[in-house]
Amino acid sequence: MNDLSSTPARPEHVEGQRKPDWIRVKAPTSKAFGETRDLMRSLNLNTVCEEAACPNIGECWTKKHATVMILGDTCTRACAFCNVKTGMPGKVNADEPEHVAEAAAKLGLEHIVVTSVDRDDLPDGGAGQFVKVIAALRRTTPQTTIEILTPDFRGKMEAAVEAIVAAGPDVYNHNLETVPRLYPTIRPGARYYASLRLLEQVKRHDPAIFTKSGIMLGLGEERLEVHQVMDDMRCAVIDFLTMGQYLRPTPKHTAVIEFVTPQAFDAYGAIARAKGFLQVAASPLTRSSYHAGDDFKAMRMAREAQLANVR
């Protein structure tokens, strides 16, 4: 019998301690970084790289990889871990899909990740804008593979998922973020099993689309709880799992309980691969879109090898 209470108690939090060397990154200074930033500004595009204070922004923007955040910069939710501002969003920008496609063309992207804020104020939760962005990318840069990272479309899930899957993204990502026990404090506006159901629906509508989800570590989750999330994901036929260290954006956000070591991430990654995920990314600096293009290629090759073995 698995007894979670047998796990040694952790300190209340580790804030105030010096961050471990393995999560320290250099400040961005390259010319390419500035060019990526200027392009996003000129097209009036938001990026999750900036809004979510991603630690990998220097590396990714230097390589001219940026994760576009559509539907504005203001979220209707207030998750305890997220740095995106909360409030009443503005009007949806009708030019945004074409601007996203133009950015992909100018950056020469082989793979693009498109995410959004939560838009509970919209009748479709913003699904229609995802569809328009996918269509614009297919017209403008047909060689670019498309990965979307959507919210849960609370109360509008069925129609939203059906519409987006019909638009034909290559990867459909929706993050579970944490273990079920922590949802009331970390992700109060969402429901764990609703998020799992969303990803199940994607596969039901089109089994060929790769599905992806991720969780943060260091929020107070227990090892066996993480293993259970992996099992739940595999039951939902999720192809790709990402795991990264939670970092507190500001003092008003939930505290870091633990800095998980690279060795612990390696162990989690090995377990996830044994459970049957096609692709696993597990490290302190892993984020949903970090190295997404390379990971997509690896995942596609893994599926092809799997199908070849079946034949």
C-alpha atoms as a PDB file:
ATOM      1  CA  MET A   1       0.000   0.000   0.000  1.00  0.00           C
ATOM      2  CA  ASN A   2       1.328   3.469  -0.944  1.00  0.00           C
ATOM      3  CA  ASP A   3       1.363   5.669   2.154  1.00  0.00           C
ATOM      4  CA  LEU A   4       2.066   9.293   1.168  1.00  0.00           C
ATOM      5  CA  SER A   5       2.291  10.242   4.834  1.00  0.00           C
ATOM      6  CA  SER A   6       5.475   8.183   5.135  1.00  0.00           C
ATOM      7  CA  THR A   7       7.376  10.720   3.041  1.00  0.00           C
ATOM      8  CA  PRO A   8       9.630  12.918   5.223  1.00  0.00           C
ATOM      9  CA  ALA A   9       8.212  16.371   5.875  1.00  0.00           C
ATOM     10  CA  ARG A  10       9.680  19.215   3.854  1.00  0.00           C
ATOM     11  CA  PRO A  11      10.341  22.762   5.052  1.00  0.00           C
ATOM     12  CA  GLU A  12       7.456  25.184   4.605  1.00  0.00           C
ATOM     13  CA  HIS A  13       9.267  26.803   1.686  1.00  0.00           C
ATOM     14  CA  VAL A  14      12.771  27.545   0.407  1.00  0.00           C
ATOM     15  CA  GLU A  15      12.275  31.188  -0.541  1.00  0.00           C
ATOM     16  CA  GLY A  16      15.135  33.335   0.663  1.00  0.00           C
ATOM     17  CA  GLN A  17      17.638  30.587   0.061  1.00  0.00           C
ATOM     18  CA  ARG A  18      20.178  31.018  -2.715  1.00  0.00           C
ATOM     19  CA  LYS A  19      18.887  29.466  -5.917  1.00  0.00           C
ATOM     20  CA  PRO A  20      20.826  26.361  -6.916  1.00  0.00           C
ATOM     21  CA  ASP A  21      23.368  26.719  -9.695  1.00  0.00           C
ATOM     22  CA  TRP A  22      21.363  24.400 -11.943  1.00  0.00           C
ATOM     23  CA  ILE A  23      18.561  26.956 -12.405  1.00  0.00           C
ATOM     24  CA  ARG A  24      20.714  30.019 -12.878  1.00  0.00           C
ATOM     25  CA  VAL A  25      20.694  31.505 -16.396  1.00  0.00           C
ATOM     26  CA  LYS A  26      22.592  34.345 -18.022  1.00  0.00           C
ATOM     27  CA  ALA A  27      20.890  37.634 -18.856  1.00  0.00           C
ATOM     28  CA  PRO A  28      20.094  37.960 -22.595  1.00  0.00           C
ATOM     29  CA  THR A  29      22.451  40.281 -24.479  1.00  0.00           C
ATOM     30  CA  SER A  30      22.730  38.976 -28.054  1.00  0.00           C
ATOM     31  CA  LYS A  31      21.822  40.885 -31.208  1.00  0.00           C
ATOM     32  CA  ALA A  32      19.428  38.102 -32.266  1.00  0.00           C
ATOM     33  CA  PHE A  33      17.581  38.446 -28.952  1.00  0.00           C
ATOM     34  CA  GLY A  34      16.984  42.127 -29.657  1.00  0.00           C
ATOM     35  CA  GLU A  35      15.833  41.398 -33.206  1.00  0.00           C
ATOM     36  CA  THR A  36      13.265  38.860 -31.976  1.00  0.00           C
ATOM     37  CA  ARG A  37      12.004  41.298 -29.347  1.00  0.00           C
ATOM     38  CA  ASP A  38      11.720  44.114 -31.892  1.00  0.00           C
ATOM     39  CA  LEU A  39       9.810  41.926 -34.343  1.00  0.00           C
ATOM     40  CA  MET A  40       7.243  40.981 -31.705  1.00  0.00           C
ATOM     41  CA  ARG A  41       6.842  44.649 -30.773  1.00  0.00           C
ATOM     42  CA  SER A  42       6.407  45.743 -34.397  1.00  0.00           C
ATOM     43  CA  LEU A  43       3.641  43.180 -34.982  1.00  0.00           C
ATOM     44  CA  ASN A  44       1.942  43.972 -31.647  1.00  0.00           C
ATOM     45  CA  LEU A  45       2.295  40.362 -30.523  1.00  0.00           C
ATOM     46  CA  ASN A  46       2.480  39.136 -26.937  1.00  0.00           C
ATOM     47  CA  THR A  47       4.712  36.243 -25.946  1.00  0.00           C
ATOM     48  CA  VAL A  48       4.454  33.894 -23.012  1.00  0.00           C
ATOM     49  CA  CYS A  49       8.246  34.144 -22.878  1.00  0.00           C
ATOM     50  CA  GLU A  50       7.938  37.666 -21.483  1.00  0.00           C
ATOM     51  CA  GLU A  51       4.535  37.570 -19.809  1.00  0.00           C
ATOM     52  CA  ALA A  52       5.298  34.403 -17.837  1.00  0.00           C
ATOM     53  CA  ALA A  53       8.882  35.486 -17.062  1.00  0.00           C
ATOM     54  CA  CYS A  54      10.364  32.348 -18.626  1.00  0.00           C
ATOM     55  CA  PRO A  55      13.987  31.709 -17.546  1.00  0.00           C
ATOM     56  CA  ASN A  56      14.852  30.418 -21.031  1.00  0.00           C
ATOM     57  CA  ILE A  57      13.956  33.609 -22.909  1.00  0.00           C
ATOM     58  CA  GLY A  58      17.589  34.514 -23.565  1.00  0.00           C
ATOM     59  CA  GLU A  59      18.444  31.173 -25.133  1.00  0.00           C
ATOM     60  CA  CYS A  60      15.225  30.837 -27.128  1.00  0.00           C
ATOM     61  CA  TRP A  61      15.065  34.384 -28.490  1.00  0.00           C
ATOM     62  CA  THR A  62      18.722  34.257 -29.437  1.00  0.00           C
ATOM     63  CA  LYS A  63      17.765  31.285 -31.624  1.00  0.00           C
ATOM     64  CA  LYS A  64      14.741  33.312 -32.842  1.00  0.00           C
ATOM     65  CA  HIS A  65      12.282  30.935 -31.197  1.00  0.00           C
ATOM     66  CA  ALA A  66       9.337  32.655 -29.508  1.00  0.00           C
ATOM     67  CA  THR A  67       6.060  31.330 -28.106  1.00  0.00           C
ATOM     68  CA  VAL A  68       3.257  33.615 -29.211  1.00  0.00           C
ATOM     69  CA  MET A  69       0.452  34.337 -26.733  1.00  0.00           C
ATOM     70  CA  ILE A  70      -2.772  35.254 -28.526  1.00  0.00           C
ATOM     71  CA  LEU A  71      -6.029  36.824 -27.304  1.00  0.00           C
ATOM     72  CA  GLY A  72      -4.322  39.653 -25.427  1.00  0.00           C
ATOM     73  CA  ASP A  73      -2.136  39.925 -22.360  1.00  0.00           C
ATOM     74  CA  THR A  74      -4.842  39.816 -19.675  1.00  0.00           C
ATOM     75  CA  CYS A  75      -6.220  36.569 -18.250  1.00  0.00           C
ATOM     76  CA  THR A  76      -9.634  35.987 -16.696  1.00  0.00           C
ATOM     77  CA  ARG A  77      -8.138  33.530 -14.192  1.00  0.00           C
ATOM     78  CA  ALA A  78      -5.776  34.088 -11.275  1.00  0.00           C
ATOM     79  CA  CYS A  79      -3.626  30.982 -10.912  1.00  0.00           C
ATOM     80  CA  ALA A  80      -1.237  31.139  -7.959  1.00  0.00           C
ATOM     81  CA  PHE A  81       1.831  30.274 -10.050  1.00  0.00           C
ATOM     82  CA  CYS A  82       1.306  32.429 -13.145  1.00  0.00           C
ATOM     83  CA  ASN A  83       2.819  35.838 -13.860  1.00  0.00           C
ATOM     84  CA  VAL A  84       0.318  36.832 -16.576  1.00  0.00           C
ATOM     85  CA  LYS A  85      -1.812  39.715 -15.353  1.00  0.00           C
ATOM     86  CA  THR A  86      -5.446  39.132 -14.360  1.00  0.00           C
ATOM     87  CA  GLY A  87      -8.412  41.331 -15.174  1.00  0.00           C
ATOM     88  CA  MET A  88     -11.010  42.095 -17.825  1.00  0.00           C
ATOM     89  CA  PRO A  89      -9.425  41.478 -21.252  1.00  0.00           C
ATOM     90  CA  GLY A  90      -9.813  43.827 -24.177  1.00  0.00           C
ATOM     91  CA  LYS A  91     -11.298  43.223 -27.603  1.00  0.00           C
ATOM     92  CA  VAL A  92      -9.884  40.378 -29.685  1.00  0.00           C
ATOM     93  CA  ASN A  93      -7.439  41.676 -32.328  1.00  0.00           C
ATOM     94  CA  ALA A  94      -8.772  40.674 -35.749  1.00  0.00           C
ATOM     95  CA  ASP A  95      -5.319  41.152 -37.318  1.00  0.00           C
ATOM     96  CA  GLU A  96      -3.597  38.844 -34.854  1.00  0.00           C
ATOM     97  CA  PRO A  97      -3.727  35.626 -36.955  1.00  0.00           C
ATOM     98  CA  GLU A  98      -1.993  37.298 -39.897  1.00  0.00           C
ATOM     99  CA  HIS A  99       0.554  38.912 -37.585  1.00  0.00           C
ATOM    100  CA  VAL A 100       1.401  35.517 -36.069  1.00  0.00           C
ATOM    101  CA  ALA A 101       1.880  34.066 -39.559  1.00  0.00           C
ATOM    102  CA  GLU A 102       4.049  37.028 -40.575  1.00  0.00           C
ATOM    103  CA  ALA A 103       6.227  36.548 -37.494  1.00  0.00           C
ATOM    104  CA  ALA A 104       6.652  32.846 -38.275  1.00  0.00           C
ATOM    105  CA  ALA A 105       7.692  33.681 -41.838  1.00  0.00           C
ATOM    106  CA  LYS A 106      10.174  36.403 -40.821  1.00  0.00           C
ATOM    107  CA  LEU A 107      11.721  34.215 -38.121  1.00  0.00           C
ATOM    108  CA  GLY A 108      11.920  31.271 -40.518  1.00  0.00           C
ATOM    109  CA  LEU A 109      10.273  28.970 -38.011  1.00  0.00           C
ATOM    110  CA  GLU A 110      10.170  25.245 -38.710  1.00  0.00           C
ATOM    111  CA  HIS A 111       7.963  24.785 -35.641  1.00  0.00           C
ATOM    112  CA  ILE A 112       5.812  27.329 -33.823  1.00  0.00           C
ATOM    113  CA  VAL A 113       4.118  27.201 -30.424  1.00  0.00           C
ATOM    114  CA  VAL A 114       0.960  29.281 -29.978  1.00  0.00           C
ATOM    115  CA  THR A 115      -0.691  29.681 -26.590  1.00  0.00           C
ATOM    116  CA  SER A 116      -3.210  32.079 -25.056  1.00  0.00           C
ATOM    117  CA  VAL A 117      -4.550  33.612 -21.902  1.00  0.00           C
ATOM    118  CA  ASP A 118      -7.803  32.228 -20.503  1.00  0.00           C
ATOM    119  CA  ARG A 119     -10.745  34.045 -22.056  1.00  0.00           C
ATOM    120  CA  ASP A 120     -13.760  32.926 -20.043  1.00  0.00           C
ATOM    121  CA  ASP A 121     -15.484  36.128 -21.205  1.00  0.00           C
ATOM    122  CA  LEU A 122     -15.758  34.926 -24.814  1.00  0.00           C
ATOM    123  CA  PRO A 123     -18.637  32.704 -25.990  1.00  0.00           C
ATOM    124  CA  ASP A 124     -16.182  30.148 -27.431  1.00  0.00           C
ATOM    125  CA  GLY A 125     -13.418  30.718 -24.878  1.00  0.00           C
ATOM    126  CA  GLY A 126     -11.186  31.982 -27.697  1.00  0.00           C
ATOM    127  CA  ALA A 127     -11.204  28.747 -29.705  1.00  0.00           C
ATOM    128  CA  GLY A 128     -12.139  30.608 -32.888  1.00  0.00           C
ATOM    129  CA  GLN A 129      -8.951  32.681 -32.704  1.00  0.00           C
ATOM    130  CA  PHE A 130      -6.846  29.523 -32.449  1.00  0.00           C
ATOM    131  CA  VAL A 131      -8.596  28.224 -35.589  1.00  0.00           C
ATOM    132  CA  LYS A 132      -7.873  31.470 -37.455  1.00  0.00           C
ATOM    133  CA  VAL A 133      -4.218  31.461 -36.386  1.00  0.00           C
ATOM    134  CA  ILE A 134      -3.752  27.867 -37.559  1.00  0.00           C
ATOM    135  CA  ALA A 135      -5.385  28.709 -40.907  1.00  0.00           C
ATOM    136  CA  ALA A 136      -3.173  31.792 -41.378  1.00  0.00           C
ATOM    137  CA  LEU A 137      -0.036  29.784 -40.629  1.00  0.00           C
ATOM    138  CA  ARG A 138      -1.040  27.052 -43.083  1.00  0.00           C
ATOM    139  CA  ARG A 139      -1.521  29.695 -45.804  1.00  0.00           C
ATOM    140  CA  THR A 140       1.628  31.698 -45.139  1.00  0.00           C
ATOM    141  CA  THR A 141       4.180  29.142 -43.921  1.00  0.00           C
ATOM    142  CA  PRO A 142       2.825  25.718 -44.899  1.00  0.00           C
ATOM    143  CA  GLN A 143       6.154  24.081 -44.029  1.00  0.00           C
ATOM    144  CA  THR A 144       5.893  25.177 -40.374  1.00  0.00           C
ATOM    145  CA  THR A 145       4.599  22.563 -37.959  1.00  0.00           C
ATOM    146  CA  ILE A 146       2.114  23.957 -35.450  1.00  0.00           C
ATOM    147  CA  GLU A 147       1.868  23.299 -31.741  1.00  0.00           C
ATOM    148  CA  ILE A 148      -0.914  24.879 -29.724  1.00  0.00           C
ATOM    149  CA  LEU A 149      -1.127  25.199 -25.957  1.00  0.00           C
ATOM    150  CA  THR A 150      -4.716  25.941 -24.994  1.00  0.00           C
ATOM    151  CA  PRO A 151      -6.624  26.717 -21.813  1.00  0.00           C
ATOM    152  CA  ASP A 152      -9.310  24.302 -20.603  1.00  0.00           C
ATOM    153  CA  PHE A 153     -12.236  26.195 -22.211  1.00  0.00           C
ATOM    154  CA  ARG A 154     -14.271  25.859 -19.032  1.00  0.00           C
ATOM    155  CA  GLY A 155     -17.930  25.249 -19.859  1.00  0.00           C
ATOM    156  CA  LYS A 156     -17.202  25.311 -23.607  1.00  0.00           C
ATOM    157  CA  MET A 157     -14.819  22.389 -23.964  1.00  0.00           C
ATOM    158  CA  GLU A 158     -16.679  20.103 -26.373  1.00  0.00           C
ATOM    159  CA  ALA A 159     -17.236  22.635 -29.145  1.00  0.00           C
ATOM    160  CA  ALA A 160     -13.877  24.336 -28.633  1.00  0.00           C
ATOM    161  CA  VAL A 161     -11.846  21.141 -28.898  1.00  0.00           C
ATOM    162  CA  GLU A 162     -13.801  19.903 -31.914  1.00  0.00           C
ATOM    163  CA  ALA A 163     -13.220  23.179 -33.791  1.00  0.00           C
ATOM    164  CA  ILE A 164      -9.503  23.370 -33.033  1.00  0.00           C
ATOM    165  CA  VAL A 165      -8.824  19.717 -33.844  1.00  0.00           C
ATOM    166  CA  ALA A 166     -10.638  20.167 -37.165  1.00  0.00           C
ATOM    167  CA  ALA A 167      -8.201  23.005 -37.973  1.00  0.00           C
ATOM    168  CA  GLY A 168      -5.380  20.438 -37.865  1.00  0.00           C
ATOM    169  CA  PRO A 169      -2.563  21.438 -35.503  1.00  0.00           C
ATOM    170  CA  ASP A 170       0.331  18.982 -35.343  1.00  0.00           C
ATOM    171  CA  VAL A 171       0.518  19.028 -31.529  1.00  0.00           C
ATOM    172  CA  TYR A 172      -2.252  19.808 -29.044  1.00  0.00           C
ATOM    173  CA  ASN A 173      -0.863  20.768 -25.644  1.00  0.00           C
ATOM    174  CA  HIS A 174      -2.800  21.461 -22.465  1.00  0.00           C
ATOM    175  CA  ASN A 175      -0.939  21.494 -19.164  1.00  0.00           C
ATOM    176  CA  LEU A 176      -2.203  19.766 -16.034  1.00  0.00           C
ATOM    177  CA  GLU A 177       0.329  21.930 -14.137  1.00  0.00           C
ATOM    178  CA  THR A 178       0.310  20.029 -10.820  1.00  0.00           C
ATOM    179  CA  VAL A 179      -1.075  17.060  -8.897  1.00  0.00           C
ATOM    180  CA  PRO A 180      -4.826  16.891  -8.074  1.00  0.00           C
ATOM    181  CA  ARG A 181      -4.371  17.584  -4.357  1.00  0.00           C
ATOM    182  CA  LEU A 182      -2.852  20.997  -5.047  1.00  0.00           C
ATOM    183  CA  TYR A 183      -5.474  22.242  -7.518  1.00  0.00           C
ATOM    184  CA  PRO A 184      -7.569  24.199  -4.957  1.00  0.00           C
ATOM    185  CA  THR A 185      -4.598  26.404  -4.072  1.00  0.00           C
ATOM    186  CA  ILE A 186      -2.453  26.343  -7.235  1.00  0.00           C
ATOM    187  CA  ARG A 187      -5.048  26.200 -10.001  1.00  0.00           C
ATOM    188  CA  PRO A 188      -8.373  27.142  -8.343  1.00  0.00           C
ATOM    189  CA  GLY A 189     -10.218  28.028 -11.548  1.00  0.00           C
ATOM    190  CA  ALA A 190      -9.616  24.614 -13.141  1.00  0.00           C
ATOM    191  CA  ARG A 191     -10.419  20.964 -12.532  1.00  0.00           C
ATOM    192  CA  TYR A 192      -7.822  18.212 -12.887  1.00  0.00           C
ATOM    193  CA  TYR A 193     -10.099  15.621 -14.441  1.00  0.00           C
ATOM    194  CA  ALA A 194     -11.628  18.167 -16.811  1.00  0.00           C
ATOM    195  CA  SER A 195      -8.152  18.840 -18.174  1.00  0.00           C
ATOM    196  CA  LEU A 196      -7.548  15.124 -18.647  1.00  0.00           C
ATOM    197  CA  ARG A 197     -10.899  14.823 -20.404  1.00  0.00           C
ATOM    198  CA  LEU A 198      -9.957  17.630 -22.800  1.00  0.00           C
ATOM    199  CA  LEU A 199      -6.877  15.739 -23.946  1.00  0.00           C
ATOM    200  CA  GLU A 200      -8.879  12.523 -24.250  1.00  0.00           C
ATOM    201  CA  GLN A 201     -11.311  14.352 -26.521  1.00  0.00           C
ATOM    202  CA  VAL A 202      -8.497  15.508 -28.786  1.00  0.00           C
ATOM    203  CA  LYS A 203      -7.457  11.898 -29.360  1.00  0.00           C
ATOM    204  CA  ARG A 204     -11.040  10.819 -29.852  1.00  0.00           C
ATOM    205  CA  HIS A 205     -11.563  13.416 -32.585  1.00  0.00           C
ATOM    206  CA  ASP A 206      -8.215  12.737 -34.299  1.00  0.00           C
ATOM    207  CA  PRO A 207      -5.876   9.999 -33.008  1.00  0.00           C
ATOM    208  CA  ALA A 208      -3.109  11.245 -35.338  1.00  0.00           C
ATOM    209  CA  ILE A 209      -2.638  14.547 -33.482  1.00  0.00           C
ATOM    210  CA  PHE A 210       0.139  14.386 -30.905  1.00  0.00           C
ATOM    211  CA  THR A 211      -1.048  15.328 -27.429  1.00  0.00           C
ATOM    212  CA  LYS A 212       1.176  16.895 -24.816  1.00  0.00           C
ATOM    213  CA  SER A 213       0.910  17.983 -21.199  1.00  0.00           C
ATOM    214  CA  GLY A 214       3.183  19.203 -18.455  1.00  0.00           C
ATOM    215  CA  ILE A 215       3.522  19.658 -14.733  1.00  0.00           C
ATOM    216  CA  MET A 216       5.662  21.824 -12.461  1.00  0.00           C
ATOM    217  CA  LEU A 217       7.636  20.360  -9.597  1.00  0.00           C
ATOM    218  CA  GLY A 218       8.596  22.024  -6.348  1.00  0.00           C
ATOM    219  CA  LEU A 219       5.089  23.011  -5.262  1.00  0.00           C
ATOM    220  CA  GLY A 220       4.844  20.460  -2.455  1.00  0.00           C
ATOM    221  CA  GLU A 221       3.811  17.450  -4.534  1.00  0.00           C
ATOM    222  CA  GLU A 222       4.856  13.986  -3.380  1.00  0.00           C
ATOM    223  CA  ARG A 223       6.714  11.462  -5.506  1.00  0.00           C
ATOM    224  CA  LEU A 224       3.878   8.940  -5.647  1.00  0.00           C
ATOM    225  CA  GLU A 225       1.443  11.694  -6.607  1.00  0.00           C
ATOM    226  CA  VAL A 226       3.662  12.531  -9.584  1.00  0.00           C
ATOM    227  CA  HIS A 227       3.713   8.867 -10.600  1.00  0.00           C
ATOM    228  CA  GLN A 228      -0.086   8.807 -10.451  1.00  0.00           C
ATOM    229  CA  VAL A 229      -0.308  11.853 -12.728  1.00  0.00           C
ATOM    230  CA  MET A 230       1.874  10.003 -15.221  1.00  0.00           C
ATOM    231  CA  ASP A 231      -0.479   7.015 -15.091  1.00  0.00           C
ATOM    232  CA  ASP A 232      -3.501   9.282 -15.559  1.00  0.00           C
ATOM    233  CA  MET A 233      -1.850  10.881 -18.581  1.00  0.00           C
ATOM    234  CA  ARG A 234      -1.103   7.530 -20.162  1.00  0.00           C
ATOM    235  CA  CYS A 235      -4.711   6.448 -19.612  1.00  0.00           C
ATOM    236  CA  ALA A 236      -5.648   9.566 -21.591  1.00  0.00           C
ATOM    237  CA  VAL A 237      -3.159   8.453 -24.321  1.00  0.00           C
ATOM    238  CA  ILE A 238      -1.006  11.569 -23.903  1.00  0.00           C
ATOM    239  CA  ASP A 239       2.123  11.283 -26.051  1.00  0.00           C
ATOM    240  CA  PHE A 240       4.484  13.848 -24.573  1.00  0.00           C
ATOM    241  CA  LEU A 241       5.179  14.793 -20.946  1.00  0.00           C
ATOM    242  CA  THR A 242       7.133  17.867 -19.828  1.00  0.00           C
ATOM    243  CA  MET A 243       8.336  18.396 -16.249  1.00  0.00           C
ATOM    244  CA  GLY A 244      10.112  21.489 -14.962  1.00  0.00           C
ATOM    245  CA  GLN A 245      10.947  23.362 -11.774  1.00  0.00           C
ATOM    246  CA  TYR A 246       8.401  25.903 -10.545  1.00  0.00           C
ATOM    247  CA  LEU A 247      10.008  29.312  -9.998  1.00  0.00           C
ATOM    248  CA  ARG A 248       8.160  32.012  -8.087  1.00  0.00           C
ATOM    249  CA  PRO A 249       7.648  35.033 -10.397  1.00  0.00           C
ATOM    250  CA  THR A 250       6.978  37.567  -7.610  1.00  0.00           C
ATOM    251  CA  PRO A 251       6.506  37.541  -3.825  1.00  0.00           C
ATOM    252  CA  LYS A 252       2.724  37.591  -4.292  1.00  0.00           C
ATOM    253  CA  HIS A 253       2.773  34.209  -6.012  1.00  0.00           C
ATOM    254  CA  THR A 254       2.811  30.830  -4.299  1.00  0.00           C
ATOM    255  CA  ALA A 255       6.129  29.961  -2.670  1.00  0.00           C
ATOM    256  CA  VAL A 256       8.632  27.384  -3.904  1.00  0.00           C
ATOM    257  CA  ILE A 257       8.553  24.432  -1.495  1.00  0.00           C
ATOM    258  CA  GLU A 258      11.513  22.562  -2.956  1.00  0.00           C
ATOM    259  CA  PHE A 259      14.234  22.954  -5.555  1.00  0.00           C
ATOM    260  CA  VAL A 260      14.137  19.550  -7.222  1.00  0.00           C
ATOM    261  CA  THR A 261      17.582  18.283  -8.200  1.00  0.00           C
ATOM    262  CA  PRO A 262      18.599  17.400 -11.772  1.00  0.00           C
ATOM    263  CA  GLN A 263      19.102  13.814 -10.565  1.00  0.00           C
ATOM    264  CA  ALA A 264      15.500  13.660  -9.344  1.00  0.00           C
ATOM    265  CA  PHE A 265      14.284  15.001 -12.699  1.00  0.00           C
ATOM    266  CA  ASP A 266      16.330  12.318 -14.467  1.00  0.00           C
ATOM    267  CA  ALA A 267      14.686   9.658 -12.299  1.00  0.00           C
ATOM    268  CA  TYR A 268      11.207  10.995 -13.050  1.00  0.00           C
ATOM    269  CA  GLY A 269      12.065  11.067 -16.744  1.00  0.00           C
ATOM    270  CA  ALA A 270      13.192   7.438 -16.707  1.00  0.00           C
ATOM    271  CA  ILE A 271       9.974   6.380 -14.999  1.00  0.00           C
ATOM    272  CA  ALA A 272       7.884   8.331 -17.517  1.00  0.00           C
ATOM    273  CA  ARG A 273       9.633   6.687 -20.454  1.00  0.00           C
ATOM    274  CA  ALA A 274       9.043   3.279 -18.895  1.00  0.00           C
ATOM    275  CA  LYS A 275       5.345   4.112 -18.683  1.00  0.00           C
ATOM    276  CA  GLY A 276       5.197   4.516 -22.457  1.00  0.00           C
ATOM    277  CA  PHE A 277       5.321   8.219 -23.342  1.00  0.00           C
ATOM    278  CA  LEU A 278       6.640   8.787 -26.856  1.00  0.00           C
ATOM    279  CA  GLN A 279       8.641  11.796 -25.670  1.00  0.00           C
ATOM    280  CA  VAL A 280       9.661  13.071 -22.234  1.00  0.00           C
ATOM    281  CA  ALA A 281      11.394  16.344 -21.309  1.00  0.00           C
ATOM    282  CA  ALA A 282      12.303  16.519 -17.617  1.00  0.00           C
ATOM    283  CA  SER A 283      14.801  19.000 -16.191  1.00  0.00           C
ATOM    284  CA  PRO A 284      14.759  22.019 -13.888  1.00  0.00           C
ATOM    285  CA  LEU A 285      14.595  24.473 -16.808  1.00  0.00           C
ATOM    286  CA  THR A 286      12.130  22.512 -18.936  1.00  0.00           C
ATOM    287  CA  ARG A 287       9.059  24.497 -19.993  1.00  0.00           C
ATOM    288  CA  SER A 288       6.216  23.561 -22.341  1.00  0.00           C
ATOM    289  CA  SER A 289       7.752  25.194 -25.396  1.00  0.00           C
ATOM    290  CA  TYR A 290      11.449  24.772 -24.538  1.00  0.00           C
ATOM    291  CA  HIS A 291      13.142  22.949 -27.460  1.00  0.00           C
ATOM    292  CA  ALA A 292       9.629  22.164 -28.728  1.00  0.00           C
ATOM    293  CA  GLY A 293      10.690  21.850 -32.357  1.00  0.00           C
ATOM    294  CA  ASP A 294      13.438  19.331 -31.668  1.00  0.00           C
ATOM    295  CA  ASP A 295      11.171  17.409 -29.325  1.00  0.00           C
ATOM    296  CA  PHE A 296       8.446  17.294 -31.981  1.00  0.00           C
ATOM    297  CA  LYS A 297      10.854  15.776 -34.489  1.00  0.00           C
ATOM    298  CA  ALA A 298      11.949  13.179 -31.928  1.00  0.00           C
ATOM    299  CA  MET A 299       8.353  12.344 -31.071  1.00  0.00           C
ATOM    300  CA  ARG A 300       7.406  11.931 -34.717  1.00  0.00           C
ATOM    301  CA  MET A 301      10.379   9.613 -35.279  1.00  0.00           C
ATOM    302  CA  ALA A 302       9.412   7.593 -32.203  1.00  0.00           C
ATOM    303  CA  ARG A 303       5.902   7.100 -33.544  1.00  0.00           C
ATOM    304  CA  GLU A 304       7.210   6.067 -36.963  1.00  0.00           C
ATOM    305  CA  ALA A 305       9.520   3.527 -35.317  1.00  0.00           C
ATOM    306  CA  GLN A 306       6.646   2.250 -33.213  1.00  0.00           C
ATOM    307  CA  LEU A 307       4.428   1.803 -36.253  1.00  0.00           C
ATOM    308  CA  ALA A 308       7.230   0.078 -38.149  1.00  0.00           C
ATOM    309  CA  ASN A 309       7.627  -2.439 -35.323  1.00  0.00           C
ATOM    310  CA  VAL A 310       3.890  -3.177 -35.409  1.00  0.00           C
ATOM    311  CA  ARG A 311       4.105  -3.939 -39.135  1.00  0.00           C
END
